[in-house]
Amino acid sequence: MFDILCREFVYISYYFEIQLRQILIWYLFGIAVGSLISVFMKDRILHAMERVGKHTDSLLSIVLASLLGIASPLCMYGTVPIAASLAKGGIKDSSLSAFMMSSILLNPQLIAYSFALGGMVVAIRLISCTLCGIVAGLLVKAYGRPFLTFESMEERKSKDTDPNIFIRLLKNIGRNIKATGPYFLIGILLSALSQRYVPQDMVGKLFGENEGFGVLLAATIGVPLYACGGGTIPLLQSWLADGMSLGSASAFMITGPATKITNLGALKIVLKGRAFILYIVFIIIFSLISGLFIDFVF
């Protein structure tokens, strides 16, 4: 029994080391990009959002708001108070919804991580998340009634306050590594376990051959498995190599962050009752339709 455990430990350690070598550079690249934007560009992005969505809910403002949401480095608990402040300044619900929706799904740090999956996956992720934000904004505009409910809440104080810019950047990098590092290592471990114990042809059959079922299954497992964006990259890398379709991967990358427990907790603050249910239904429908479309095209 001990010999078997030792053998399995060696195998898993081997797969873990290979995966770590392949993806570590992209993780560090993502940390650097996220911290640089957080320290030097965050205020500019928020000021741009103020100019884009104030007193208008045109298609252009919704598109730009969705793009700014992706450019924002803030987590959802940081985004909600800022969105409340923007709403008080006259930003329409449609633009705020587009900004918040795309911000949930993607950020500069996660874009950098995703390059470990290849340029095609990055392009698909960027386009699908941007479209998701745009469609959410348009639907809120068509809803015709107040959709977001901002109660009294204070904007979180920035932690990037050190007068020395270099020290400020290093502290931000340290916070990013502390927040995402454990999930990143857990993701690599899960990937190593998957490579060792999940047959390659099973992944292909589940997520590749039967495209409709594969997209639905990927959208479903994205709910419990998605704890951190960086932590899912090793799993996706392994699954794509084993035959997972691009549409299934896209569905996973949409439902995962959109239904992550911490994000849902933050959204519940501003989405009351019916609005919260509509949000969940929208995410499921959009992930399935976009995933099936991507599989049809590719």
C-alpha atoms as a PDB file:
ATOM      1  CA  MET A   1       0.000   0.000   0.000  1.00  0.00           C
ATOM      2  CA  PHE A   2       2.803   2.392   0.905  1.00  0.00           C
ATOM      3  CA  ASP A   3       4.566   1.594  -2.370  1.00  0.00           C
ATOM      4  CA  ILE A   4       1.400   2.421  -4.316  1.00  0.00           C
ATOM      5  CA  LEU A   5       1.034   5.762  -2.522  1.00  0.00           C
ATOM      6  CA  CYS A   6       4.680   6.608  -3.184  1.00  0.00           C
ATOM      7  CA  ARG A   7       4.293   5.735  -6.872  1.00  0.00           C
ATOM      8  CA  GLU A   8       1.162   7.892  -7.221  1.00  0.00           C
ATOM      9  CA  PHE A   9       2.870  10.757  -5.417  1.00  0.00           C
ATOM     10  CA  VAL A  10       5.742  10.593  -7.914  1.00  0.00           C
ATOM     11  CA  TYR A  11       3.333  10.601 -10.874  1.00  0.00           C
ATOM     12  CA  ILE A  12       1.278  13.520  -9.535  1.00  0.00           C
ATOM     13  CA  SER A  13       4.429  15.475  -8.632  1.00  0.00           C
ATOM     14  CA  TYR A  14       5.674  14.944 -12.175  1.00  0.00           C
ATOM     15  CA  TYR A  15       2.459  16.220 -13.752  1.00  0.00           C
ATOM     16  CA  PHE A  16       2.362  19.102 -11.243  1.00  0.00           C
ATOM     17  CA  GLU A  17       5.919  20.177 -12.138  1.00  0.00           C
ATOM     18  CA  ILE A  18       5.255  20.054 -15.883  1.00  0.00           C
ATOM     19  CA  GLN A  19       2.072  22.105 -15.536  1.00  0.00           C
ATOM     20  CA  LEU A  20       3.778  24.628 -13.254  1.00  0.00           C
ATOM     21  CA  ARG A  21       6.626  25.129 -15.712  1.00  0.00           C
ATOM     22  CA  GLN A  22       4.204  25.638 -18.590  1.00  0.00           C
ATOM     23  CA  ILE A  23       1.958  28.165 -16.902  1.00  0.00           C
ATOM     24  CA  LEU A  24       3.975  29.966 -14.218  1.00  0.00           C
ATOM     25  CA  ILE A  25       5.328  32.582 -16.623  1.00  0.00           C
ATOM     26  CA  TRP A  26       1.762  33.528 -17.632  1.00  0.00           C
ATOM     27  CA  TYR A  27       0.659  33.702 -14.005  1.00  0.00           C
ATOM     28  CA  LEU A  28       3.507  36.089 -13.155  1.00  0.00           C
ATOM     29  CA  PHE A  29       2.806  38.085 -16.310  1.00  0.00           C
ATOM     30  CA  GLY A  30      -0.833  38.411 -15.253  1.00  0.00           C
ATOM     31  CA  ILE A  31       0.143  39.526 -11.748  1.00  0.00           C
ATOM     32  CA  ALA A  32       2.430  42.206 -13.194  1.00  0.00           C
ATOM     33  CA  VAL A  33      -0.173  43.477 -15.683  1.00  0.00           C
ATOM     34  CA  GLY A  34      -2.951  43.540 -13.076  1.00  0.00           C
ATOM     35  CA  SER A  35      -0.853  45.416 -10.543  1.00  0.00           C
ATOM     36  CA  LEU A  36       0.442  47.959 -13.058  1.00  0.00           C
ATOM     37  CA  ILE A  37      -3.091  48.793 -14.197  1.00  0.00           C
ATOM     38  CA  SER A  38      -4.413  48.848 -10.628  1.00  0.00           C
ATOM     39  CA  VAL A  39      -1.726  51.263  -9.448  1.00  0.00           C
ATOM     40  CA  PHE A  40      -1.384  53.532 -12.489  1.00  0.00           C
ATOM     41  CA  MET A  41      -4.583  53.250 -14.555  1.00  0.00           C
ATOM     42  CA  LYS A  42      -7.512  52.555 -12.217  1.00  0.00           C
ATOM     43  CA  ASP A  43      -8.517  56.185 -11.669  1.00  0.00           C
ATOM     44  CA  ARG A  44      -8.309  56.945 -15.392  1.00  0.00           C
ATOM     45  CA  ILE A  45     -10.589  54.009 -16.194  1.00  0.00           C
ATOM     46  CA  LEU A  46     -13.173  55.201 -13.658  1.00  0.00           C
ATOM     47  CA  HIS A  47     -13.023  58.782 -14.942  1.00  0.00           C
ATOM     48  CA  ALA A  48     -13.517  57.459 -18.473  1.00  0.00           C
ATOM     49  CA  MET A  49     -16.563  55.542 -17.259  1.00  0.00           C
ATOM     50  CA  GLU A  50     -17.990  58.765 -15.825  1.00  0.00           C
ATOM     51  CA  ARG A  51     -17.666  60.463 -19.197  1.00  0.00           C
ATOM     52  CA  VAL A  52     -19.013  57.507 -21.180  1.00  0.00           C
ATOM     53  CA  GLY A  53     -22.252  56.746 -19.352  1.00  0.00           C
ATOM     54  CA  LYS A  54     -23.360  60.079 -17.933  1.00  0.00           C
ATOM     55  CA  HIS A  55     -26.899  61.048 -18.953  1.00  0.00           C
ATOM     56  CA  THR A  56     -26.957  58.671 -21.937  1.00  0.00           C
ATOM     57  CA  ASP A  57     -27.689  55.034 -22.608  1.00  0.00           C
ATOM     58  CA  SER A  58     -26.838  54.884 -26.308  1.00  0.00           C
ATOM     59  CA  LEU A  59     -25.396  51.749 -27.901  1.00  0.00           C
ATOM     60  CA  LEU A  60     -21.983  53.405 -28.076  1.00  0.00           C
ATOM     61  CA  SER A  61     -21.970  54.214 -24.349  1.00  0.00           C
ATOM     62  CA  ILE A  62     -22.973  50.615 -23.533  1.00  0.00           C
ATOM     63  CA  VAL A  63     -20.220  49.190 -25.763  1.00  0.00           C
ATOM     64  CA  LEU A  64     -17.599  51.494 -24.236  1.00  0.00           C
ATOM     65  CA  ALA A  65     -18.826  50.699 -20.721  1.00  0.00           C
ATOM     66  CA  SER A  66     -18.417  46.974 -21.398  1.00  0.00           C
ATOM     67  CA  LEU A  67     -14.871  47.513 -22.648  1.00  0.00           C
ATOM     68  CA  LEU A  68     -14.031  49.662 -19.614  1.00  0.00           C
ATOM     69  CA  GLY A  69     -15.382  46.915 -17.348  1.00  0.00           C
ATOM     70  CA  ILE A  70     -12.892  44.475 -18.845  1.00  0.00           C
ATOM     71  CA  ALA A  71     -10.101  47.021 -18.441  1.00  0.00           C
ATOM     72  CA  SER A  72     -10.974  47.541 -14.762  1.00  0.00           C
ATOM     73  CA  PRO A  73      -8.728  45.646 -12.310  1.00  0.00           C
ATOM     74  CA  LEU A  74     -11.280  45.808  -9.460  1.00  0.00           C
ATOM     75  CA  CYS A  75     -12.892  42.768  -7.858  1.00  0.00           C
ATOM     76  CA  MET A  76     -16.701  42.742  -7.643  1.00  0.00           C
ATOM     77  CA  TYR A  77     -16.773  43.884  -4.008  1.00  0.00           C
ATOM     78  CA  GLY A  78     -14.670  46.847  -5.087  1.00  0.00           C
ATOM     79  CA  THR A  79     -16.781  47.493  -8.180  1.00  0.00           C
ATOM     80  CA  VAL A  80     -20.193  47.647  -6.441  1.00  0.00           C
ATOM     81  CA  PRO A  81     -19.476  50.714  -4.234  1.00  0.00           C
ATOM     82  CA  ILE A  82     -17.859  52.487  -7.176  1.00  0.00           C
ATOM     83  CA  ALA A  83     -20.873  51.654  -9.340  1.00  0.00           C
ATOM     84  CA  ALA A  84     -23.067  53.170  -6.619  1.00  0.00           C
ATOM     85  CA  SER A  85     -20.978  56.330  -6.732  1.00  0.00           C
ATOM     86  CA  LEU A  86     -21.207  56.430 -10.539  1.00  0.00           C
ATOM     87  CA  ALA A  87     -24.992  55.983 -10.343  1.00  0.00           C
ATOM     88  CA  LYS A  88     -25.246  58.997  -8.039  1.00  0.00           C
ATOM     89  CA  GLY A  89     -23.284  60.939 -10.639  1.00  0.00           C
ATOM     90  CA  GLY A  90     -25.907  60.244 -13.295  1.00  0.00           C
ATOM     91  CA  ILE A  91     -24.599  57.094 -15.019  1.00  0.00           C
ATOM     92  CA  LYS A  92     -27.490  55.114 -16.512  1.00  0.00           C
ATOM     93  CA  ASP A  93     -28.323  51.574 -15.356  1.00  0.00           C
ATOM     94  CA  SER A  94     -27.680  50.221 -18.856  1.00  0.00           C
ATOM     95  CA  SER A  95     -24.076  51.455 -18.927  1.00  0.00           C
ATOM     96  CA  LEU A  96     -23.498  50.404 -15.308  1.00  0.00           C
ATOM     97  CA  SER A  97     -24.861  46.931 -16.048  1.00  0.00           C
ATOM     98  CA  ALA A  98     -22.558  46.539 -19.050  1.00  0.00           C
ATOM     99  CA  PHE A  99     -19.597  47.720 -16.974  1.00  0.00           C
ATOM    100  CA  MET A 100     -20.346  45.423 -14.041  1.00  0.00           C
ATOM    101  CA  MET A 101     -21.174  42.388 -16.204  1.00  0.00           C
ATOM    102  CA  SER A 102     -17.953  42.457 -18.192  1.00  0.00           C
ATOM    103  CA  SER A 103     -15.970  43.345 -15.067  1.00  0.00           C
ATOM    104  CA  ILE A 104     -17.249  40.154 -13.406  1.00  0.00           C
ATOM    105  CA  LEU A 105     -16.201  37.992 -16.336  1.00  0.00           C
ATOM    106  CA  LEU A 106     -12.800  39.356 -17.247  1.00  0.00           C
ATOM    107  CA  ASN A 107     -10.010  41.709 -16.197  1.00  0.00           C
ATOM    108  CA  PRO A 108      -6.506  42.516 -17.476  1.00  0.00           C
ATOM    109  CA  GLN A 109      -4.883  40.050 -15.082  1.00  0.00           C
ATOM    110  CA  LEU A 110      -7.104  37.203 -16.279  1.00  0.00           C
ATOM    111  CA  ILE A 111      -6.515  38.112 -19.924  1.00  0.00           C
ATOM    112  CA  ALA A 112      -2.782  37.745 -19.324  1.00  0.00           C
ATOM    113  CA  TYR A 113      -3.314  34.380 -17.572  1.00  0.00           C
ATOM    114  CA  SER A 114      -5.411  33.184 -20.494  1.00  0.00           C
ATOM    115  CA  PHE A 115      -2.525  33.468 -22.953  1.00  0.00           C
ATOM    116  CA  ALA A 116      -1.389  30.152 -21.483  1.00  0.00           C
ATOM    117  CA  LEU A 117      -4.384  28.658 -23.341  1.00  0.00           C
ATOM    118  CA  GLY A 118      -3.403  30.145 -26.693  1.00  0.00           C
ATOM    119  CA  GLY A 119      -4.258  33.232 -28.702  1.00  0.00           C
ATOM    120  CA  MET A 120      -7.495  31.774 -30.077  1.00  0.00           C
ATOM    121  CA  VAL A 121      -8.892  31.159 -26.591  1.00  0.00           C
ATOM    122  CA  VAL A 122      -7.899  34.670 -25.511  1.00  0.00           C
ATOM    123  CA  ALA A 123      -9.695  36.170 -28.521  1.00  0.00           C
ATOM    124  CA  ILE A 124     -12.822  34.061 -27.911  1.00  0.00           C
ATOM    125  CA  ARG A 125     -12.835  34.943 -24.220  1.00  0.00           C
ATOM    126  CA  LEU A 126     -12.361  38.650 -24.867  1.00  0.00           C
ATOM    127  CA  ILE A 127     -15.069  38.849 -27.537  1.00  0.00           C
ATOM    128  CA  SER A 128     -17.627  36.699 -25.688  1.00  0.00           C
ATOM    129  CA  CYS A 129     -17.182  38.584 -22.393  1.00  0.00           C
ATOM    130  CA  THR A 130     -17.430  41.957 -24.141  1.00  0.00           C
ATOM    131  CA  LEU A 131     -20.592  40.835 -25.949  1.00  0.00           C
ATOM    132  CA  CYS A 132     -22.044  39.521 -22.697  1.00  0.00           C
ATOM    133  CA  GLY A 133     -21.626  42.966 -21.144  1.00  0.00           C
ATOM    134  CA  ILE A 134     -23.117  44.691 -24.180  1.00  0.00           C
ATOM    135  CA  VAL A 135     -26.148  42.367 -24.317  1.00  0.00           C
ATOM    136  CA  ALA A 136     -26.693  42.790 -20.562  1.00  0.00           C
ATOM    137  CA  GLY A 137     -26.648  46.577 -20.965  1.00  0.00           C
ATOM    138  CA  LEU A 138     -29.070  46.471 -23.891  1.00  0.00           C
ATOM    139  CA  LEU A 139     -31.458  44.184 -22.020  1.00  0.00           C
ATOM    140  CA  VAL A 140     -31.430  46.470 -18.972  1.00  0.00           C
ATOM    141  CA  LYS A 141     -32.142  49.400 -21.289  1.00  0.00           C
ATOM    142  CA  ALA A 142     -35.059  47.490 -22.844  1.00  0.00           C
ATOM    143  CA  TYR A 143     -36.314  46.562 -19.356  1.00  0.00           C
ATOM    144  CA  GLY A 144     -37.426  50.161 -19.040  1.00  0.00           C
ATOM    145  CA  ARG A 145     -37.478  50.247 -15.240  1.00  0.00           C
ATOM    146  CA  PRO A 146     -34.804  50.691 -12.545  1.00  0.00           C
ATOM    147  CA  PHE A 147     -32.792  47.457 -12.468  1.00  0.00           C
ATOM    148  CA  LEU A 148     -29.977  48.185 -10.032  1.00  0.00           C
ATOM    149  CA  THR A 149     -30.690  49.148  -6.426  1.00  0.00           C
ATOM    150  CA  PHE A 150     -27.917  51.119  -4.763  1.00  0.00           C
ATOM    151  CA  GLU A 151     -28.451  51.617  -1.067  1.00  0.00           C
ATOM    152  CA  SER A 152     -26.154  53.671   1.127  1.00  0.00           C
ATOM    153  CA  MET A 153     -22.692  52.217   0.825  1.00  0.00           C
ATOM    154  CA  GLU A 154     -19.231  53.623   1.136  1.00  0.00           C
ATOM    155  CA  GLU A 155     -16.563  53.228  -1.483  1.00  0.00           C
ATOM    156  CA  ARG A 156     -13.680  51.084  -0.314  1.00  0.00           C
ATOM    157  CA  LYS A 157     -10.566  52.988   0.557  1.00  0.00           C
ATOM    158  CA  SER A 158      -7.700  52.323  -1.815  1.00  0.00           C
ATOM    159  CA  LYS A 159      -4.764  50.380  -0.402  1.00  0.00           C
ATOM    160  CA  ASP A 160      -2.436  51.860  -3.010  1.00  0.00           C
ATOM    161  CA  THR A 161      -1.496  54.874  -0.922  1.00  0.00           C
ATOM    162  CA  ASP A 162       2.256  54.568  -0.347  1.00  0.00           C
ATOM    163  CA  PRO A 163       3.951  57.809  -1.485  1.00  0.00           C
ATOM    164  CA  ASN A 164       6.760  55.796  -3.103  1.00  0.00           C
ATOM    165  CA  ILE A 165       5.422  54.534  -6.448  1.00  0.00           C
ATOM    166  CA  PHE A 166       7.794  51.559  -6.565  1.00  0.00           C
ATOM    167  CA  ILE A 167       6.840  50.443  -3.039  1.00  0.00           C
ATOM    168  CA  ARG A 168       3.157  50.954  -3.891  1.00  0.00           C
ATOM    169  CA  LEU A 169       3.516  48.661  -6.909  1.00  0.00           C
ATOM    170  CA  LEU A 170       5.395  45.995  -4.941  1.00  0.00           C
ATOM    171  CA  LYS A 171       2.724  45.997  -2.223  1.00  0.00           C
ATOM    172  CA  ASN A 172       0.002  45.596  -4.844  1.00  0.00           C
ATOM    173  CA  ILE A 173       1.881  42.674  -6.416  1.00  0.00           C
ATOM    174  CA  GLY A 174       2.223  41.104  -2.978  1.00  0.00           C
ATOM    175  CA  ARG A 175      -1.523  41.430  -2.315  1.00  0.00           C
ATOM    176  CA  ASN A 176      -2.315  39.918  -5.715  1.00  0.00           C
ATOM    177  CA  ILE A 177      -0.059  36.927  -5.128  1.00  0.00           C
ATOM    178  CA  LYS A 178      -1.483  36.422  -1.635  1.00  0.00           C
ATOM    179  CA  ALA A 179      -5.049  36.534  -2.982  1.00  0.00           C
ATOM    180  CA  THR A 180      -4.583  34.336  -6.060  1.00  0.00           C
ATOM    181  CA  GLY A 181      -1.495  32.199  -5.358  1.00  0.00           C
ATOM    182  CA  PRO A 182      -3.205  29.457  -3.291  1.00  0.00           C
ATOM    183  CA  TYR A 183      -5.976  29.052  -5.894  1.00  0.00           C
ATOM    184  CA  PHE A 184      -3.379  28.955  -8.673  1.00  0.00           C
ATOM    185  CA  LEU A 185      -1.532  26.090  -6.957  1.00  0.00           C
ATOM    186  CA  ILE A 186      -4.810  24.262  -6.233  1.00  0.00           C
ATOM    187  CA  GLY A 187      -5.694  24.599  -9.919  1.00  0.00           C
ATOM    188  CA  ILE A 188      -2.387  23.042 -10.932  1.00  0.00           C
ATOM    189  CA  LEU A 189      -2.918  20.212  -8.444  1.00  0.00           C
ATOM    190  CA  LEU A 190      -6.430  19.539  -9.817  1.00  0.00           C
ATOM    191  CA  SER A 191      -4.996  19.563 -13.326  1.00  0.00           C
ATOM    192  CA  ALA A 192      -2.308  17.045 -12.314  1.00  0.00           C
ATOM    193  CA  LEU A 193      -4.949  14.800 -10.741  1.00  0.00           C
ATOM    194  CA  SER A 194      -7.075  15.093 -13.878  1.00  0.00           C
ATOM    195  CA  GLN A 195      -4.148  14.144 -16.098  1.00  0.00           C
ATOM    196  CA  ARG A 196      -3.369  11.146 -13.929  1.00  0.00           C
ATOM    197  CA  TYR A 197      -6.826   9.749 -13.222  1.00  0.00           C
ATOM    198  CA  VAL A 198      -9.223  11.068 -15.902  1.00  0.00           C
ATOM    199  CA  PRO A 199      -8.840   9.219 -19.226  1.00  0.00           C
ATOM    200  CA  GLN A 200      -8.082  11.548 -22.127  1.00  0.00           C
ATOM    201  CA  ASP A 201     -10.806  10.053 -24.310  1.00  0.00           C
ATOM    202  CA  MET A 202     -13.385  10.702 -21.560  1.00  0.00           C
ATOM    203  CA  VAL A 203     -12.707  14.447 -21.647  1.00  0.00           C
ATOM    204  CA  GLY A 204     -12.994  14.411 -25.428  1.00  0.00           C
ATOM    205  CA  LYS A 205     -16.301  12.519 -25.313  1.00  0.00           C
ATOM    206  CA  LEU A 206     -17.811  14.686 -22.589  1.00  0.00           C
ATOM    207  CA  PHE A 207     -16.712  18.119 -23.788  1.00  0.00           C
ATOM    208  CA  GLY A 208     -15.814  17.610 -27.433  1.00  0.00           C
ATOM    209  CA  GLU A 209     -17.698  15.023 -29.435  1.00  0.00           C
ATOM    210  CA  ASN A 210     -21.212  15.730 -28.162  1.00  0.00           C
ATOM    211  CA  GLU A 211     -21.064  19.501 -28.535  1.00  0.00           C
ATOM    212  CA  GLY A 212     -24.507  20.406 -27.189  1.00  0.00           C
ATOM    213  CA  PHE A 213     -24.150  18.233 -24.112  1.00  0.00           C
ATOM    214  CA  GLY A 214     -20.522  19.290 -23.683  1.00  0.00           C
ATOM    215  CA  VAL A 215     -21.425  22.983 -23.611  1.00  0.00           C
ATOM    216  CA  LEU A 216     -24.245  22.348 -21.131  1.00  0.00           C
ATOM    217  CA  LEU A 217     -21.980  20.228 -18.902  1.00  0.00           C
ATOM    218  CA  ALA A 218     -19.154  22.794 -19.000  1.00  0.00           C
ATOM    219  CA  ALA A 219     -21.582  25.585 -18.114  1.00  0.00           C
ATOM    220  CA  THR A 220     -22.870  23.497 -15.217  1.00  0.00           C
ATOM    221  CA  ILE A 221     -19.518  22.495 -13.698  1.00  0.00           C
ATOM    222  CA  GLY A 222     -18.305  26.067 -14.003  1.00  0.00           C
ATOM    223  CA  VAL A 223     -20.588  26.937 -11.083  1.00  0.00           C
ATOM    224  CA  PRO A 224     -18.972  24.774  -8.341  1.00  0.00           C
ATOM    225  CA  LEU A 225     -15.424  24.565  -9.749  1.00  0.00           C
ATOM    226  CA  TYR A 226     -14.713  28.245 -10.345  1.00  0.00           C
ATOM    227  CA  ALA A 227     -13.080  29.735  -7.256  1.00  0.00           C
ATOM    228  CA  CYS A 228     -10.460  31.962  -8.886  1.00  0.00           C
ATOM    229  CA  GLY A 229      -9.741  32.852 -12.503  1.00  0.00           C
ATOM    230  CA  GLY A 230      -6.065  31.976 -12.297  1.00  0.00           C
ATOM    231  CA  GLY A 231      -6.835  28.683 -10.606  1.00  0.00           C
ATOM    232  CA  THR A 232      -8.975  27.437 -13.506  1.00  0.00           C
ATOM    233  CA  ILE A 233      -6.391  28.097 -16.231  1.00  0.00           C
ATOM    234  CA  PRO A 234      -4.392  24.891 -15.518  1.00  0.00           C
ATOM    235  CA  LEU A 235      -7.599  22.834 -15.623  1.00  0.00           C
ATOM    236  CA  LEU A 236      -8.724  24.387 -18.903  1.00  0.00           C
ATOM    237  CA  GLN A 237      -5.280  23.895 -20.392  1.00  0.00           C
ATOM    238  CA  SER A 238      -5.422  20.194 -19.540  1.00  0.00           C
ATOM    239  CA  TRP A 239      -9.015  19.746 -20.753  1.00  0.00           C
ATOM    240  CA  LEU A 240      -8.416  21.575 -24.044  1.00  0.00           C
ATOM    241  CA  ALA A 241      -5.390  19.387 -24.696  1.00  0.00           C
ATOM    242  CA  ASP A 242      -7.570  16.313 -24.044  1.00  0.00           C
ATOM    243  CA  GLY A 243     -10.250  17.333 -26.535  1.00  0.00           C
ATOM    244  CA  MET A 244     -12.522  19.892 -24.879  1.00  0.00           C
ATOM    245  CA  SER A 245     -14.238  22.045 -27.516  1.00  0.00           C
ATOM    246  CA  LEU A 246     -13.757  25.812 -27.627  1.00  0.00           C
ATOM    247  CA  GLY A 247     -17.488  26.312 -27.100  1.00  0.00           C
ATOM    248  CA  SER A 248     -17.456  24.216 -23.923  1.00  0.00           C
ATOM    249  CA  ALA A 249     -14.436  26.148 -22.663  1.00  0.00           C
ATOM    250  CA  SER A 250     -16.210  29.441 -23.400  1.00  0.00           C
ATOM    251  CA  ALA A 251     -19.338  28.348 -21.501  1.00  0.00           C
ATOM    252  CA  PHE A 252     -17.183  27.376 -18.516  1.00  0.00           C
ATOM    253  CA  MET A 253     -15.369  30.719 -18.604  1.00  0.00           C
ATOM    254  CA  ILE A 254     -18.683  32.617 -18.521  1.00  0.00           C
ATOM    255  CA  THR A 255     -20.749  30.731 -15.942  1.00  0.00           C
ATOM    256  CA  GLY A 256     -17.746  30.242 -13.640  1.00  0.00           C
ATOM    257  CA  PRO A 257     -16.954  33.861 -12.719  1.00  0.00           C
ATOM    258  CA  ALA A 258     -20.564  34.991 -13.166  1.00  0.00           C
ATOM    259  CA  THR A 259     -21.816  32.534 -10.530  1.00  0.00           C
ATOM    260  CA  LYS A 260     -18.813  32.492  -8.211  1.00  0.00           C
ATOM    261  CA  ILE A 261     -20.123  32.689  -4.645  1.00  0.00           C
ATOM    262  CA  THR A 262     -18.226  35.872  -3.752  1.00  0.00           C
ATOM    263  CA  ASN A 263     -19.421  37.615  -6.922  1.00  0.00           C
ATOM    264  CA  LEU A 264     -23.025  36.553  -6.329  1.00  0.00           C
ATOM    265  CA  GLY A 265     -22.783  37.872  -2.774  1.00  0.00           C
ATOM    266  CA  ALA A 266     -21.651  41.247  -4.057  1.00  0.00           C
ATOM    267  CA  LEU A 267     -24.284  41.349  -6.785  1.00  0.00           C
ATOM    268  CA  LYS A 268     -27.075  40.472  -4.358  1.00  0.00           C
ATOM    269  CA  ILE A 269     -26.451  43.869  -2.792  1.00  0.00           C
ATOM    270  CA  VAL A 270     -27.634  45.663  -5.939  1.00  0.00           C
ATOM    271  CA  LEU A 271     -29.864  43.032  -7.571  1.00  0.00           C
ATOM    272  CA  LYS A 272     -33.053  42.508  -5.605  1.00  0.00           C
ATOM    273  CA  GLY A 273     -35.537  39.656  -6.052  1.00  0.00           C
ATOM    274  CA  ARG A 274     -36.617  39.451  -9.674  1.00  0.00           C
ATOM    275  CA  ALA A 275     -33.500  41.245 -10.966  1.00  0.00           C
ATOM    276  CA  PHE A 276     -31.236  38.638  -9.359  1.00  0.00           C
ATOM    277  CA  ILE A 277     -33.220  35.767 -10.908  1.00  0.00           C
ATOM    278  CA  LEU A 278     -33.124  37.455 -14.313  1.00  0.00           C
ATOM    279  CA  TYR A 279     -29.346  37.787 -13.981  1.00  0.00           C
ATOM    280  CA  ILE A 280     -28.908  34.036 -13.340  1.00  0.00           C
ATOM    281  CA  VAL A 281     -31.230  33.122 -16.244  1.00  0.00           C
ATOM    282  CA  PHE A 282     -29.381  35.519 -18.555  1.00  0.00           C
ATOM    283  CA  ILE A 283     -25.976  34.032 -17.690  1.00  0.00           C
ATOM    284  CA  ILE A 284     -27.156  30.464 -18.338  1.00  0.00           C
ATOM    285  CA  ILE A 285     -28.810  31.336 -21.655  1.00  0.00           C
ATOM    286  CA  PHE A 286     -25.924  33.488 -22.903  1.00  0.00           C
ATOM    287  CA  SER A 287     -23.261  30.902 -21.994  1.00  0.00           C
ATOM    288  CA  LEU A 288     -25.175  28.123 -23.785  1.00  0.00           C
ATOM    289  CA  ILE A 289     -25.948  30.144 -26.933  1.00  0.00           C
ATOM    290  CA  SER A 290     -22.429  31.572 -27.222  1.00  0.00           C
ATOM    291  CA  GLY A 291     -20.845  28.173 -26.564  1.00  0.00           C
ATOM    292  CA  LEU A 292     -22.988  26.446 -29.208  1.00  0.00           C
ATOM    293  CA  PHE A 293     -22.266  29.255 -31.688  1.00  0.00           C
ATOM    294  CA  ILE A 294     -18.510  28.993 -31.113  1.00  0.00           C
ATOM    295  CA  ASP A 295     -18.608  25.228 -31.638  1.00  0.00           C
ATOM    296  CA  PHE A 296     -20.648  25.760 -34.828  1.00  0.00           C
ATOM    297  CA  VAL A 297     -18.084  28.237 -36.190  1.00  0.00           C
ATOM    298  CA  PHE A 298     -14.958  26.362 -35.103  1.00  0.00           C
END
